[in-house]
Amino acid sequence: MNVGDKMFPLVENALDWAAKRQQTISANLANIDTPGYKARDITFAEHLQSLALETTSPMHLNPFSQNGMRVYEVGAKDRGNGNTVDLDSEMTELSKNGLQYIALVQFLNQKIRTLRSAINDGGKG
């Protein structure tokens, strides 16, 4: 099995993660005025755990810390009503996540174009 065989499932998983993160950030924004709502986020480390990653050398770095979880606090400032959603931060993360999703789709499209070209032009020569 070569690297190309694993490429599509990895990109698919990354797209799934980006879609779930987009939903999570959108939920934060939808609850910006909900008293007591705590902002949430999905870390990529948690998503990486679901993939079958393995190190092939003792020199490889472990992408996980603290039993595979990377925990961080989102919107640490309480706005007085127990709500921790920060509009500026959430909008920034929403934009970054959208750009990551677009980049992944463009990468996937290029891989498909390359495969299509190899299939269509492979026998010509």
PDB file of N, CA and C in Angstrom:
ATOM      1  N   MET A   1       0.849  -1.172   0.000  1.00  0.00           N
ATOM      2  CA  MET A   1       0.000   0.000   0.000  1.00  0.00           C
ATOM      3  C   MET A   1       0.898   1.239   0.000  1.00  0.00           C
ATOM      4  N   ASN A   2       0.625   2.149  -0.909  1.00  0.00           N
ATOM      5  CA  ASN A   2       1.440   3.352  -0.965  1.00  0.00           C
ATOM      6  C   ASN A   2       0.716   4.530  -0.317  1.00  0.00           C
ATOM      7  N   VAL A   3       1.397   5.654  -0.286  1.00  0.00           N
ATOM      8  CA  VAL A   3       0.857   6.838   0.380  1.00  0.00           C
ATOM      9  C   VAL A   3      -0.449   7.278  -0.271  1.00  0.00           C
ATOM     10  N   GLY A   4      -0.551   7.151  -1.590  1.00  0.00           N
ATOM     11  CA  GLY A   4      -1.756   7.551  -2.296  1.00  0.00           C
ATOM     12  C   GLY A   4      -2.984   6.792  -1.838  1.00  0.00           C
ATOM     13  N   ASP A   5      -2.810   5.525  -1.438  1.00  0.00           N
ATOM     14  CA  ASP A   5      -3.935   4.724  -0.976  1.00  0.00           C
ATOM     15  C   ASP A   5      -4.536   5.275   0.317  1.00  0.00           C
ATOM     16  N   LYS A   6      -3.721   5.929   1.127  1.00  0.00           N
ATOM     17  CA  LYS A   6      -4.190   6.467   2.411  1.00  0.00           C
ATOM     18  C   LYS A   6      -4.621   7.924   2.305  1.00  0.00           C
ATOM     19  N   MET A   7      -4.332   8.563   1.164  1.00  0.00           N
ATOM     20  CA  MET A   7      -4.570   9.998   1.018  1.00  0.00           C
ATOM     21  C   MET A   7      -6.053  10.359   1.121  1.00  0.00           C
ATOM     22  N   PHE A   8      -6.894   9.674   0.391  1.00  0.00           N
ATOM     23  CA  PHE A   8      -8.307  10.053   0.371  1.00  0.00           C
ATOM     24  C   PHE A   8      -8.990   9.883   1.725  1.00  0.00           C
ATOM     25  N   PRO A   9      -8.770   8.772   2.442  1.00  0.00           N
ATOM     26  CA  PRO A   9      -9.387   8.679   3.778  1.00  0.00           C
ATOM     27  C   PRO A   9      -8.891   9.764   4.740  1.00  0.00           C
ATOM     28  N   LEU A  10      -7.625  10.143   4.651  1.00  0.00           N
ATOM     29  CA  LEU A  10      -7.098  11.189   5.535  1.00  0.00           C
ATOM     30  C   LEU A  10      -7.733  12.535   5.232  1.00  0.00           C
ATOM     31  N   VAL A  11      -7.851  12.857   3.938  1.00  0.00           N
ATOM     32  CA  VAL A  11      -8.486  14.119   3.563  1.00  0.00           C
ATOM     33  C   VAL A  11      -9.959  14.101   3.952  1.00  0.00           C
ATOM     34  N   GLU A  12     -10.618  12.955   3.757  1.00  0.00           N
ATOM     35  CA  GLU A  12     -12.018  12.826   4.154  1.00  0.00           C
ATOM     36  C   GLU A  12     -12.179  13.069   5.660  1.00  0.00           C
ATOM     37  N   ASN A  13     -11.292  12.503   6.463  1.00  0.00           N
ATOM     38  CA  ASN A  13     -11.349  12.702   7.917  1.00  0.00           C
ATOM     39  C   ASN A  13     -11.109  14.162   8.285  1.00  0.00           C
ATOM     40  N   ALA A  14     -10.168  14.797   7.600  1.00  0.00           N
ATOM     41  CA  ALA A  14      -9.887  16.208   7.872  1.00  0.00           C
ATOM     42  C   ALA A  14     -11.090  17.074   7.498  1.00  0.00           C
ATOM     43  N   LEU A  15     -11.761  16.748   6.391  1.00  0.00           N
ATOM     44  CA  LEU A  15     -12.961  17.486   5.993  1.00  0.00           C
ATOM     45  C   LEU A  15     -14.088  17.282   7.007  1.00  0.00           C
ATOM     46  N   ASP A  16     -14.232  16.056   7.502  1.00  0.00           N
ATOM     47  CA  ASP A  16     -15.241  15.774   8.536  1.00  0.00           C
ATOM     48  C   ASP A  16     -14.970  16.602   9.783  1.00  0.00           C
ATOM     49  N   TRP A  17     -13.696  16.643  10.198  1.00  0.00           N
ATOM     50  CA  TRP A  17     -13.326  17.417  11.379  1.00  0.00           C
ATOM     51  C   TRP A  17     -13.642  18.896  11.170  1.00  0.00           C
ATOM     52  N   ALA A  18     -13.290  19.425  10.006  1.00  0.00           N
ATOM     53  CA  ALA A  18     -13.540  20.844   9.734  1.00  0.00           C
ATOM     54  C   ALA A  18     -15.041  21.140   9.738  1.00  0.00           C
ATOM     55  N   ALA A  19     -15.842  20.222   9.201  1.00  0.00           N
ATOM     56  CA  ALA A  19     -17.295  20.417   9.194  1.00  0.00           C
ATOM     57  C   ALA A  19     -17.852  20.401  10.620  1.00  0.00           C
ATOM     58  N   LYS A  20     -17.377  19.466  11.443  1.00  0.00           N
ATOM     59  CA  LYS A  20     -17.836  19.404  12.834  1.00  0.00           C
ATOM     60  C   LYS A  20     -17.403  20.643  13.605  1.00  0.00           C
ATOM     61  N   ARG A  21     -16.204  21.118  13.317  1.00  0.00           N
ATOM     62  CA  ARG A  21     -15.717  22.320  14.009  1.00  0.00           C
ATOM     63  C   ARG A  21     -16.549  23.533  13.593  1.00  0.00           C
ATOM     64  N   GLN A  22     -16.914  23.594  12.314  1.00  0.00           N
ATOM     65  CA  GLN A  22     -17.746  24.686  11.829  1.00  0.00           C
ATOM     66  C   GLN A  22     -19.093  24.694  12.558  1.00  0.00           C
ATOM     67  N   GLN A  23     -19.671  23.510  12.753  1.00  0.00           N
ATOM     68  CA  GLN A  23     -20.937  23.399  13.475  1.00  0.00           C
ATOM     69  C   GLN A  23     -20.788  23.843  14.926  1.00  0.00           C
ATOM     70  N   THR A  24     -19.683  23.463  15.542  1.00  0.00           N
ATOM     71  CA  THR A  24     -19.439  23.820  16.943  1.00  0.00           C
ATOM     72  C   THR A  24     -19.278  25.328  17.105  1.00  0.00           C
ATOM     73  N   ILE A  25     -18.508  25.933  16.225  1.00  0.00           N
ATOM     74  CA  ILE A  25     -18.302  27.386  16.294  1.00  0.00           C
ATOM     75  C   ILE A  25     -19.616  28.111  16.016  1.00  0.00           C
ATOM     76  N   SER A  26     -20.380  27.603  15.059  1.00  0.00           N
ATOM     77  CA  SER A  26     -21.685  28.211  14.745  1.00  0.00           C
ATOM     78  C   SER A  26     -22.626  28.130  15.943  1.00  0.00           C
ATOM     79  N   ALA A  27     -22.581  27.014  16.657  1.00  0.00           N
ATOM     80  CA  ALA A  27     -23.405  26.867  17.868  1.00  0.00           C
ATOM     81  C   ALA A  27     -22.974  27.889  18.922  1.00  0.00           C
ATOM     82  N   ASN A  28     -21.679  28.116  19.046  1.00  0.00           N
ATOM     83  CA  ASN A  28     -21.191  29.137  19.981  1.00  0.00           C
ATOM     84  C   ASN A  28     -21.772  30.502  19.613  1.00  0.00           C
ATOM     85  N   LEU A  29     -21.709  30.828  18.326  1.00  0.00           N
ATOM     86  CA  LEU A  29     -22.217  32.128  17.886  1.00  0.00           C
ATOM     87  C   LEU A  29     -23.731  32.232  18.081  1.00  0.00           C
ATOM     88  N   ALA A  30     -24.441  31.141  17.844  1.00  0.00           N
ATOM     89  CA  ALA A  30     -25.892  31.147  18.017  1.00  0.00           C
ATOM     90  C   ALA A  30     -26.279  31.356  19.481  1.00  0.00           C
ATOM     91  N   ASN A  31     -25.388  30.992  20.381  1.00  0.00           N
ATOM     92  CA  ASN A  31     -25.673  31.106  21.820  1.00  0.00           C
ATOM     93  C   ASN A  31     -24.933  32.263  22.481  1.00  0.00           C
ATOM     94  N   ILE A  32     -24.551  33.246  21.697  1.00  0.00           N
ATOM     95  CA  ILE A  32     -23.745  34.342  22.227  1.00  0.00           C
ATOM     96  C   ILE A  32     -24.458  35.111  23.340  1.00  0.00           C
ATOM     97  N   ASP A  33     -25.774  35.127  23.337  1.00  0.00           N
ATOM     98  CA  ASP A  33     -26.521  35.845  24.366  1.00  0.00           C
ATOM     99  C   ASP A  33     -27.216  34.909  25.353  1.00  0.00           C
ATOM    100  N   THR A  34     -26.903  33.636  25.318  1.00  0.00           N
ATOM    101  CA  THR A  34     -27.514  32.668  26.225  1.00  0.00           C
ATOM    102  C   THR A  34     -26.780  32.692  27.564  1.00  0.00           C
ATOM    103  N   PRO A  35     -27.447  33.084  28.634  1.00  0.00           N
ATOM    104  CA  PRO A  35     -26.787  33.124  29.949  1.00  0.00           C
ATOM    105  C   PRO A  35     -26.261  31.738  30.340  1.00  0.00           C
ATOM    106  N   GLY A  36     -25.038  31.710  30.824  1.00  0.00           N
ATOM    107  CA  GLY A  36     -24.424  30.480  31.304  1.00  0.00           C
ATOM    108  C   GLY A  36     -23.846  29.571  30.227  1.00  0.00           C
ATOM    109  N   TYR A  37     -23.999  29.938  28.945  1.00  0.00           N
ATOM    110  CA  TYR A  37     -23.471  29.091  27.874  1.00  0.00           C
ATOM    111  C   TYR A  37     -21.945  29.165  27.865  1.00  0.00           C
ATOM    112  N   LYS A  38     -21.317  28.009  27.791  1.00  0.00           N
ATOM    113  CA  LYS A  38     -19.856  27.927  27.754  1.00  0.00           C
ATOM    114  C   LYS A  38     -19.413  27.594  26.328  1.00  0.00           C
ATOM    115  N   ALA A  39     -18.547  28.430  25.776  1.00  0.00           N
ATOM    116  CA  ALA A  39     -18.042  28.224  24.413  1.00  0.00           C
ATOM    117  C   ALA A  39     -17.304  26.888  24.331  1.00  0.00           C
ATOM    118  N   ARG A  40     -17.477  26.200  23.208  1.00  0.00           N
ATOM    119  CA  ARG A  40     -16.866  24.885  22.996  1.00  0.00           C
ATOM    120  C   ARG A  40     -16.020  24.904  21.740  1.00  0.00           C
ATOM    121  N   ASP A  41     -15.132  23.944  21.659  1.00  0.00           N
ATOM    122  CA  ASP A  41     -14.336  23.764  20.446  1.00  0.00           C
ATOM    123  C   ASP A  41     -13.934  22.307  20.346  1.00  0.00           C
ATOM    124  N   ILE A  42     -13.622  21.871  19.145  1.00  0.00           N
ATOM    125  CA  ILE A  42     -13.145  20.510  18.899  1.00  0.00           C
ATOM    126  C   ILE A  42     -11.680  20.623  18.526  1.00  0.00           C
ATOM    127  N   THR A  43     -10.836  19.962  19.290  1.00  0.00           N
ATOM    128  CA  THR A  43      -9.412  20.038  18.991  1.00  0.00           C
ATOM    129  C   THR A  43      -9.036  19.016  17.940  1.00  0.00           C
ATOM    130  N   PHE A  44      -8.078  19.353  17.125  1.00  0.00           N
ATOM    131  CA  PHE A  44      -7.625  18.437  16.088  1.00  0.00           C
ATOM    132  C   PHE A  44      -6.966  17.211  16.703  1.00  0.00           C
ATOM    133  N   ALA A  45      -6.378  17.364  17.877  1.00  0.00           N
ATOM    134  CA  ALA A  45      -5.750  16.220  18.547  1.00  0.00           C
ATOM    135  C   ALA A  45      -6.776  15.134  18.837  1.00  0.00           C
ATOM    136  N   GLU A  46      -7.990  15.555  19.241  1.00  0.00           N
ATOM    137  CA  GLU A  46      -9.046  14.569  19.487  1.00  0.00           C
ATOM    138  C   GLU A  46      -9.414  13.853  18.199  1.00  0.00           C
ATOM    139  N   HIS A  47      -9.444  14.617  17.094  1.00  0.00           N
ATOM    140  CA  HIS A  47      -9.768  14.006  15.807  1.00  0.00           C
ATOM    141  C   HIS A  47      -8.654  13.047  15.375  1.00  0.00           C
ATOM    142  N   LEU A  48      -7.410  13.429  15.602  1.00  0.00           N
ATOM    143  CA  LEU A  48      -6.291  12.565  15.228  1.00  0.00           C
ATOM    144  C   LEU A  48      -6.349  11.229  15.963  1.00  0.00           C
ATOM    145  N   GLN A  49      -6.879  11.246  17.177  1.00  0.00           N
ATOM    146  CA  GLN A  49      -6.993  10.007  17.942  1.00  0.00           C
ATOM    147  C   GLN A  49      -7.854   8.983  17.220  1.00  0.00           C
ATOM    148  N   SER A  50      -8.860   9.456  16.499  1.00  0.00           N
ATOM    149  CA  SER A  50      -9.776   8.541  15.826  1.00  0.00           C
ATOM    150  C   SER A  50      -9.139   7.916  14.592  1.00  0.00           C
ATOM    151  N   LEU A  51      -8.020   8.467  14.137  1.00  0.00           N
ATOM    152  CA  LEU A  51      -7.335   7.912  12.978  1.00  0.00           C
ATOM    153  C   LEU A  51      -6.370   6.826  13.424  1.00  0.00           C
ATOM    154  N   ALA A  52      -6.101   5.913  12.556  1.00  0.00           N
ATOM    155  CA  ALA A  52      -5.168   4.827  12.872  1.00  0.00           C
ATOM    156  C   ALA A  52      -3.751   5.291  12.545  1.00  0.00           C
ATOM    157  N   LEU A  53      -3.207   6.165  13.366  1.00  0.00           N
ATOM    158  CA  LEU A  53      -1.852   6.663  13.153  1.00  0.00           C
ATOM    159  C   LEU A  53      -0.868   5.807  13.929  1.00  0.00           C
ATOM    160  N   GLU A  54       0.272   5.617  13.342  1.00  0.00           N
ATOM    161  CA  GLU A  54       1.308   4.859  14.034  1.00  0.00           C
ATOM    162  C   GLU A  54       2.660   5.468  13.717  1.00  0.00           C
ATOM    163  N   THR A  55       3.568   5.357  14.657  1.00  0.00           N
ATOM    164  CA  THR A  55       4.927   5.814  14.405  1.00  0.00           C
ATOM    165  C   THR A  55       5.723   4.637  13.872  1.00  0.00           C
ATOM    166  N   THR A  56       6.568   4.924  12.930  1.00  0.00           N
ATOM    167  CA  THR A  56       7.388   3.871  12.328  1.00  0.00           C
ATOM    168  C   THR A  56       8.838   3.977  12.762  1.00  0.00           C
ATOM    169  N   SER A  57       9.113   4.960  13.611  1.00  0.00           N
ATOM    170  CA  SER A  57      10.462   5.157  14.104  1.00  0.00           C
ATOM    171  C   SER A  57      10.386   5.733  15.513  1.00  0.00           C
ATOM    172  N   PRO A  58      11.301   5.345  16.392  1.00  0.00           N
ATOM    173  CA  PRO A  58      11.294   5.928  17.735  1.00  0.00           C
ATOM    174  C   PRO A  58      11.631   7.419  17.722  1.00  0.00           C
ATOM    175  N   MET A  59      12.108   7.920  16.583  1.00  0.00           N
ATOM    176  CA  MET A  59      12.444   9.337  16.458  1.00  0.00           C
ATOM    177  C   MET A  59      11.213  10.193  16.147  1.00  0.00           C
ATOM    178  N   HIS A  60      10.093   9.583  15.781  1.00  0.00           N
ATOM    179  CA  HIS A  60       8.881  10.338  15.476  1.00  0.00           C
ATOM    180  C   HIS A  60       8.312  10.953  16.746  1.00  0.00           C
ATOM    181  N   LEU A  61       7.733  12.133  16.593  1.00  0.00           N
ATOM    182  CA  LEU A  61       7.108  12.803  17.719  1.00  0.00           C
ATOM    183  C   LEU A  61       5.712  12.245  17.930  1.00  0.00           C
ATOM    184  N   ASN A  62       5.307  12.176  19.173  1.00  0.00           N
ATOM    185  CA  ASN A  62       3.956  11.754  19.501  1.00  0.00           C
ATOM    186  C   ASN A  62       3.046  12.969  19.368  1.00  0.00           C
ATOM    187  N   PRO A  63       1.999  12.913  18.493  1.00  0.00           N
ATOM    188  CA  PRO A  63       1.151  14.087  18.300  1.00  0.00           C
ATOM    189  C   PRO A  63       0.205  14.352  19.460  1.00  0.00           C
ATOM    190  N   PHE A  64       0.205  13.486  20.463  1.00  0.00           N
ATOM    191  CA  PHE A  64      -0.734  13.628  21.567  1.00  0.00           C
ATOM    192  C   PHE A  64       0.002  13.941  22.859  1.00  0.00           C
ATOM    193  N   SER A  65      -0.708  14.580  23.741  1.00  0.00           N
ATOM    194  CA  SER A  65      -0.181  14.818  25.081  1.00  0.00           C
ATOM    195  C   SER A  65      -1.300  14.535  26.065  1.00  0.00           C
ATOM    196  N   GLN A  66      -0.974  14.249  27.297  1.00  0.00           N
ATOM    197  CA  GLN A  66      -1.953  13.990  28.354  1.00  0.00           C
ATOM    198  C   GLN A  66      -2.992  12.954  27.920  1.00  0.00           C
ATOM    199  N   ASN A  67      -2.537  11.739  27.675  1.00  0.00           N
ATOM    200  CA  ASN A  67      -3.427  10.647  27.289  1.00  0.00           C
ATOM    201  C   ASN A  67      -4.207  10.936  26.015  1.00  0.00           C
ATOM    202  N   GLY A  68      -3.573  11.606  25.064  1.00  0.00           N
ATOM    203  CA  GLY A  68      -4.203  11.827  23.780  1.00  0.00           C
ATOM    204  C   GLY A  68      -5.089  13.052  23.686  1.00  0.00           C
ATOM    205  N   MET A  69      -5.215  13.816  24.730  1.00  0.00           N
ATOM    206  CA  MET A  69      -6.098  14.976  24.695  1.00  0.00           C
ATOM    207  C   MET A  69      -5.296  16.270  24.776  1.00  0.00           C
ATOM    208  N   ARG A  70      -5.703  17.210  23.985  1.00  0.00           N
ATOM    209  CA  ARG A  70      -5.179  18.566  24.123  1.00  0.00           C
ATOM    210  C   ARG A  70      -6.355  19.417  24.556  1.00  0.00           C
ATOM    211  N   VAL A  71      -6.344  19.788  25.790  1.00  0.00           N
ATOM    212  CA  VAL A  71      -7.457  20.521  26.354  1.00  0.00           C
ATOM    213  C   VAL A  71      -7.063  21.986  26.481  1.00  0.00           C
ATOM    214  N   TYR A  72      -7.948  22.848  26.026  1.00  0.00           N
ATOM    215  CA  TYR A  72      -7.713  24.274  26.218  1.00  0.00           C
ATOM    216  C   TYR A  72      -9.046  24.951  26.464  1.00  0.00           C
ATOM    217  N   GLU A  73      -8.966  26.051  27.139  1.00  0.00           N
ATOM    218  CA  GLU A  73     -10.171  26.780  27.507  1.00  0.00           C
ATOM    219  C   GLU A  73     -10.520  27.766  26.409  1.00  0.00           C
ATOM    220  N   VAL A  74     -11.771  27.766  25.988  1.00  0.00           N
ATOM    221  CA  VAL A  74     -12.238  28.672  24.953  1.00  0.00           C
ATOM    222  C   VAL A  74     -12.988  29.811  25.618  1.00  0.00           C
ATOM    223  N   GLY A  75     -12.668  31.035  25.237  1.00  0.00           N
ATOM    224  CA  GLY A  75     -13.392  32.183  25.762  1.00  0.00           C
ATOM    225  C   GLY A  75     -13.376  32.250  27.275  1.00  0.00           C
ATOM    226  N   ALA A  76     -12.194  32.304  27.848  1.00  0.00           N
ATOM    227  CA  ALA A  76     -12.045  32.230  29.297  1.00  0.00           C
ATOM    228  C   ALA A  76     -12.741  33.362  30.054  1.00  0.00           C
ATOM    229  N   LYS A  77     -13.000  34.491  29.404  1.00  0.00           N
ATOM    230  CA  LYS A  77     -13.613  35.618  30.107  1.00  0.00           C
ATOM    231  C   LYS A  77     -15.123  35.453  30.188  1.00  0.00           C
ATOM    232  N   ASP A  78     -15.613  35.489  31.385  1.00  0.00           N
ATOM    233  CA  ASP A  78     -17.058  35.456  31.638  1.00  0.00           C
ATOM    234  C   ASP A  78     -17.581  36.861  31.380  1.00  0.00           C
ATOM    235  N   ARG A  79     -18.669  36.964  30.629  1.00  0.00           N
ATOM    236  CA  ARG A  79     -19.218  38.277  30.270  1.00  0.00           C
ATOM    237  C   ARG A  79     -20.215  38.803  31.285  1.00  0.00           C
ATOM    238  N   GLY A  80     -20.224  38.244  32.477  1.00  0.00           N
ATOM    239  CA  GLY A  80     -21.107  38.732  33.524  1.00  0.00           C
ATOM    240  C   GLY A  80     -22.360  37.896  33.695  1.00  0.00           C
ATOM    241  N   ASN A  81     -22.752  37.165  32.668  1.00  0.00           N
ATOM    242  CA  ASN A  81     -23.943  36.319  32.771  1.00  0.00           C
ATOM    243  C   ASN A  81     -23.580  34.835  32.690  1.00  0.00           C
ATOM    244  N   GLY A  82     -22.282  34.534  32.851  1.00  0.00           N
ATOM    245  CA  GLY A  82     -21.821  33.153  32.790  1.00  0.00           C
ATOM    246  C   GLY A  82     -21.491  32.686  31.386  1.00  0.00           C
ATOM    247  N   ASN A  83     -21.745  33.515  30.390  1.00  0.00           N
ATOM    248  CA  ASN A  83     -21.477  33.174  29.002  1.00  0.00           C
ATOM    249  C   ASN A  83     -20.020  33.487  28.677  1.00  0.00           C
ATOM    250  N   THR A  84     -19.345  32.556  27.981  1.00  0.00           N
ATOM    251  CA  THR A  84     -17.920  32.744  27.676  1.00  0.00           C
ATOM    252  C   THR A  84     -17.646  32.892  26.178  1.00  0.00           C
ATOM    253  N   VAL A  85     -18.682  33.136  25.371  1.00  0.00           N
ATOM    254  CA  VAL A  85     -18.492  33.280  23.929  1.00  0.00           C
ATOM    255  C   VAL A  85     -17.930  34.671  23.634  1.00  0.00           C
ATOM    256  N   ASP A  86     -16.805  34.712  22.916  1.00  0.00           N
ATOM    257  CA  ASP A  86     -16.183  35.965  22.501  1.00  0.00           C
ATOM    258  C   ASP A  86     -16.403  36.115  20.996  1.00  0.00           C
ATOM    259  N   LEU A  87     -17.193  37.097  20.594  1.00  0.00           N
ATOM    260  CA  LEU A  87     -17.573  37.269  19.193  1.00  0.00           C
ATOM    261  C   LEU A  87     -16.362  37.377  18.270  1.00  0.00           C
ATOM    262  N   ASP A  88     -15.396  38.199  18.621  1.00  0.00           N
ATOM    263  CA  ASP A  88     -14.218  38.383  17.771  1.00  0.00           C
ATOM    264  C   ASP A  88     -13.442  37.082  17.590  1.00  0.00           C
ATOM    265  N   SER A  89     -13.231  36.385  18.686  1.00  0.00           N
ATOM    266  CA  SER A  89     -12.486  35.124  18.635  1.00  0.00           C
ATOM    267  C   SER A  89     -13.226  34.078  17.802  1.00  0.00           C
ATOM    268  N   GLU A  90     -14.535  33.959  18.021  1.00  0.00           N
ATOM    269  CA  GLU A  90     -15.324  32.966  17.288  1.00  0.00           C
ATOM    270  C   GLU A  90     -15.359  33.282  15.800  1.00  0.00           C
ATOM    271  N   MET A  91     -15.489  34.533  15.437  1.00  0.00           N
ATOM    272  CA  MET A  91     -15.514  34.916  14.023  1.00  0.00           C
ATOM    273  C   MET A  91     -14.165  34.645  13.364  1.00  0.00           C
ATOM    274  N   THR A  92     -13.085  34.881  14.100  1.00  0.00           N
ATOM    275  CA  THR A  92     -11.748  34.582  13.575  1.00  0.00           C
ATOM    276  C   THR A  92     -11.592  33.085  13.337  1.00  0.00           C
ATOM    277  N   GLU A  93     -11.997  32.278  14.317  1.00  0.00           N
ATOM    278  CA  GLU A  93     -11.894  30.823  14.174  1.00  0.00           C
ATOM    279  C   GLU A  93     -12.800  30.301  13.069  1.00  0.00           C
ATOM    280  N   LEU A  94     -13.980  30.907  12.911  1.00  0.00           N
ATOM    281  CA  LEU A  94     -14.898  30.517  11.847  1.00  0.00           C
ATOM    282  C   LEU A  94     -14.258  30.767  10.482  1.00  0.00           C
ATOM    283  N   SER A  95     -13.621  31.912  10.322  1.00  0.00           N
ATOM    284  CA  SER A  95     -12.947  32.240   9.057  1.00  0.00           C
ATOM    285  C   SER A  95     -11.769  31.311   8.789  1.00  0.00           C
ATOM    286  N   LYS A  96     -10.945  31.084   9.809  1.00  0.00           N
ATOM    287  CA  LYS A  96      -9.797  30.183   9.645  1.00  0.00           C
ATOM    288  C   LYS A  96     -10.249  28.784   9.271  1.00  0.00           C
ATOM    289  N   ASN A  97     -11.268  28.295   9.945  1.00  0.00           N
ATOM    290  CA  ASN A  97     -11.762  26.951   9.677  1.00  0.00           C
ATOM    291  C   ASN A  97     -12.330  26.855   8.258  1.00  0.00           C
ATOM    292  N   GLY A  98     -13.041  27.882   7.834  1.00  0.00           N
ATOM    293  CA  GLY A  98     -13.573  27.902   6.471  1.00  0.00           C
ATOM    294  C   GLY A  98     -12.473  27.861   5.429  1.00  0.00           C
ATOM    295  N   LEU A  99     -11.400  28.599   5.675  1.00  0.00           N
ATOM    296  CA  LEU A  99     -10.261  28.597   4.752  1.00  0.00           C
ATOM    297  C   LEU A  99      -9.582  27.226   4.720  1.00  0.00           C
ATOM    298  N   GLN A 100      -9.476  26.584   5.876  1.00  0.00           N
ATOM    299  CA  GLN A 100      -8.888  25.240   5.918  1.00  0.00           C
ATOM    300  C   GLN A 100      -9.736  24.261   5.120  1.00  0.00           C
ATOM    301  N   TYR A 101     -11.047  24.376   5.258  1.00  0.00           N
ATOM    302  CA  TYR A 101     -11.960  23.494   4.532  1.00  0.00           C
ATOM    303  C   TYR A 101     -11.801  23.695   3.021  1.00  0.00           C
ATOM    304  N   ILE A 102     -11.758  24.946   2.591  1.00  0.00           N
ATOM    305  CA  ILE A 102     -11.587  25.253   1.168  1.00  0.00           C
ATOM    306  C   ILE A 102     -10.261  24.701   0.655  1.00  0.00           C
ATOM    307  N   ALA A 103      -9.192  24.861   1.425  1.00  0.00           N
ATOM    308  CA  ALA A 103      -7.881  24.345   1.019  1.00  0.00           C
ATOM    309  C   ALA A 103      -7.912  22.824   0.873  1.00  0.00           C
ATOM    310  N   LEU A 104      -8.580  22.144   1.792  1.00  0.00           N
ATOM    311  CA  LEU A 104      -8.691  20.687   1.707  1.00  0.00           C
ATOM    312  C   LEU A 104      -9.473  20.258   0.469  1.00  0.00           C
ATOM    313  N   VAL A 105     -10.555  20.955   0.175  1.00  0.00           N
ATOM    314  CA  VAL A 105     -11.351  20.632  -1.017  1.00  0.00           C
ATOM    315  C   VAL A 105     -10.529  20.871  -2.282  1.00  0.00           C
ATOM    316  N   GLN A 106      -9.791  21.974  -2.330  1.00  0.00           N
ATOM    317  CA  GLN A 106      -8.948  22.251  -3.491  1.00  0.00           C
ATOM    318  C   GLN A 106      -7.865  21.189  -3.654  1.00  0.00           C
ATOM    319  N   PHE A 107      -7.272  20.759  -2.551  1.00  0.00           N
ATOM    320  CA  PHE A 107      -6.267  19.703  -2.590  1.00  0.00           C
ATOM    321  C   PHE A 107      -6.871  18.414  -3.137  1.00  0.00           C
ATOM    322  N   LEU A 108      -8.043  18.066  -2.642  1.00  0.00           N
ATOM    323  CA  LEU A 108      -8.732  16.862  -3.083  1.00  0.00           C
ATOM    324  C   LEU A 108      -9.081  16.951  -4.570  1.00  0.00           C
ATOM    325  N   ASN A 109      -9.573  18.098  -5.005  1.00  0.00           N
ATOM    326  CA  ASN A 109      -9.884  18.286  -6.423  1.00  0.00           C
ATOM    327  C   ASN A 109      -8.658  18.117  -7.300  1.00  0.00           C
ATOM    328  N   GLN A 110      -7.516  18.645  -6.859  1.00  0.00           N
ATOM    329  CA  GLN A 110      -6.280  18.503  -7.631  1.00  0.00           C
ATOM    330  C   GLN A 110      -5.858  17.042  -7.717  1.00  0.00           C
ATOM    331  N   LYS A 111      -5.977  16.303  -6.611  1.00  0.00           N
ATOM    332  CA  LYS A 111      -5.639  14.877  -6.627  1.00  0.00           C
ATOM    333  C   LYS A 111      -6.544  14.118  -7.598  1.00  0.00           C
ATOM    334  N   ILE A 112      -7.821  14.444  -7.612  1.00  0.00           N
ATOM    335  CA  ILE A 112      -8.763  13.787  -8.520  1.00  0.00           C
ATOM    336  C   ILE A 112      -8.429  14.125  -9.967  1.00  0.00           C
ATOM    337  N   ARG A 113      -8.103  15.400 -10.238  1.00  0.00           N
ATOM    338  CA  ARG A 113      -7.699  15.791 -11.601  1.00  0.00           C
ATOM    339  C   ARG A 113      -6.454  15.027 -12.045  1.00  0.00           C
ATOM    340  N   THR A 114      -5.512  14.880 -11.123  1.00  0.00           N
ATOM    341  CA  THR A 114      -4.276  14.148 -11.451  1.00  0.00           C
ATOM    342  C   THR A 114      -4.586  12.685 -11.770  1.00  0.00           C
ATOM    343  N   LEU A 115      -5.428  12.062 -10.962  1.00  0.00           N
ATOM    344  CA  LEU A 115      -5.804  10.667 -11.212  1.00  0.00           C
ATOM    345  C   LEU A 115      -6.565  10.536 -12.524  1.00  0.00           C
ATOM    346  N   ARG A 116      -7.480  11.436 -12.771  1.00  0.00           N
ATOM    347  CA  ARG A 116      -8.266  11.418 -14.017  1.00  0.00           C
ATOM    348  C   ARG A 116      -7.342  11.560 -15.230  1.00  0.00           C
ATOM    349  N   SER A 117      -6.384  12.474 -15.122  1.00  0.00           N
ATOM    350  CA  SER A 117      -5.431  12.670 -16.218  1.00  0.00           C
ATOM    351  C   SER A 117      -4.591  11.414 -16.440  1.00  0.00           C
ATOM    352  N   ALA A 118      -4.146  10.793 -15.354  1.00  0.00           N
ATOM    353  CA  ALA A 118      -3.352   9.561 -15.488  1.00  0.00           C
ATOM    354  C   ALA A 118      -4.168   8.438 -16.135  1.00  0.00           C
ATOM    355  N   ILE A 119      -5.456   8.361 -15.803  1.00  0.00           N
ATOM    356  CA  ILE A 119      -6.305   7.330 -16.389  1.00  0.00           C
ATOM    357  C   ILE A 119      -6.566   7.613 -17.851  1.00  0.00           C
ATOM    358  N   ASN A 120      -6.897   8.860 -18.172  1.00  0.00           N
ATOM    359  CA  ASN A 120      -7.234   9.208 -19.552  1.00  0.00           C
ATOM    360  C   ASN A 120      -6.025   9.228 -20.477  1.00  0.00           C
ATOM    361  N   ASP A 121      -4.890   9.700 -19.976  1.00  0.00           N
ATOM    362  CA  ASP A 121      -3.699   9.864 -20.824  1.00  0.00           C
ATOM    363  C   ASP A 121      -2.656   8.772 -20.603  1.00  0.00           C
ATOM    364  N   GLY A 122      -2.883   7.897 -19.657  1.00  0.00           N
ATOM    365  CA  GLY A 122      -1.884   6.879 -19.300  1.00  0.00           C
ATOM    366  C   GLY A 122      -1.562   5.928 -20.432  1.00  0.00           C
ATOM    367  N   GLY A 123      -2.524   5.560 -21.227  1.00  0.00           N
ATOM    368  CA  GLY A 123      -2.294   4.596 -22.305  1.00  0.00           C
ATOM    369  C   GLY A 123      -1.796   5.242 -23.583  1.00  0.00           C
ATOM    370  N   LYS A 124      -1.821   6.555 -23.637  1.00  0.00           N
ATOM    371  CA  LYS A 124      -1.369   7.268 -24.853  1.00  0.00           C
ATOM    372  C   LYS A 124       0.128   7.480 -24.781  1.00  0.00           C
ATOM    373  N   GLY A 125       0.733   7.377 -25.850  1.00  0.00           N
ATOM    374  CA  GLY A 125       2.156   7.660 -25.763  1.00  0.00           C
ATOM    375  C   GLY A 125       2.854   7.192 -26.910  1.00  0.00           C
TER     376      GLY A 125
END
